[in-house]
N, C-alpha and C. Protein backbone atom coordinates (compact mmCIF):
# COMPACT_ATOMS: atom_id res chain seq x y z
N ALA A 1 92.59 90.05 96.81
CA ALA A 1 93.23 91.03 95.92
C ALA A 1 93.95 92.16 96.68
N SER A 2 94.92 91.58 97.52
CA SER A 2 95.60 92.48 98.39
C SER A 2 97.13 92.90 97.76
N GLN A 3 97.11 93.51 96.74
CA GLN A 3 98.24 93.95 95.89
C GLN A 3 98.47 95.51 95.86
N GLY A 4 99.47 95.99 96.32
CA GLY A 4 99.58 97.43 96.27
C GLY A 4 98.45 98.35 96.94
N GLY A 5 97.93 99.36 96.23
CA GLY A 5 96.86 100.27 96.86
C GLY A 5 95.60 99.74 96.36
N ALA A 6 95.55 98.88 95.23
CA ALA A 6 94.50 98.45 94.66
C ALA A 6 93.85 97.19 95.37
N GLN A 7 93.37 97.24 96.53
CA GLN A 7 92.85 96.16 97.15
C GLN A 7 91.48 95.88 97.01
N ASP A 8 90.81 95.00 97.78
CA ASP A 8 89.35 94.74 97.69
C ASP A 8 88.63 96.08 98.02
N GLN A 9 87.36 96.13 97.70
CA GLN A 9 86.33 97.24 97.99
C GLN A 9 86.40 97.56 99.56
N SER A 10 86.58 96.51 100.30
CA SER A 10 86.59 96.93 101.79
C SER A 10 87.90 97.33 102.25
N SER A 11 88.95 96.94 101.55
CA SER A 11 90.36 97.19 102.01
C SER A 11 90.96 98.26 101.21
N LYS A 12 90.27 98.63 100.09
CA LYS A 12 90.88 99.79 99.15
C LYS A 12 91.22 101.00 100.01
N LYS A 13 90.27 101.28 100.92
CA LYS A 13 90.47 102.55 101.80
C LYS A 13 91.79 102.55 102.40
N LYS A 14 92.49 101.39 102.70
CA LYS A 14 93.76 101.36 103.36
C LYS A 14 94.90 101.82 102.46
N GLY A 15 94.77 101.57 101.14
CA GLY A 15 95.72 102.04 100.28
C GLY A 15 97.04 101.26 100.51
N GLY A 16 98.21 101.81 99.99
CA GLY A 16 99.43 101.21 100.15
C GLY A 16 100.37 101.67 99.03
């Protein structure tokens, strides 16, 4: 689920 800023729970911190 790496789309835009709404990524996975572990990657959501990265945003975008």
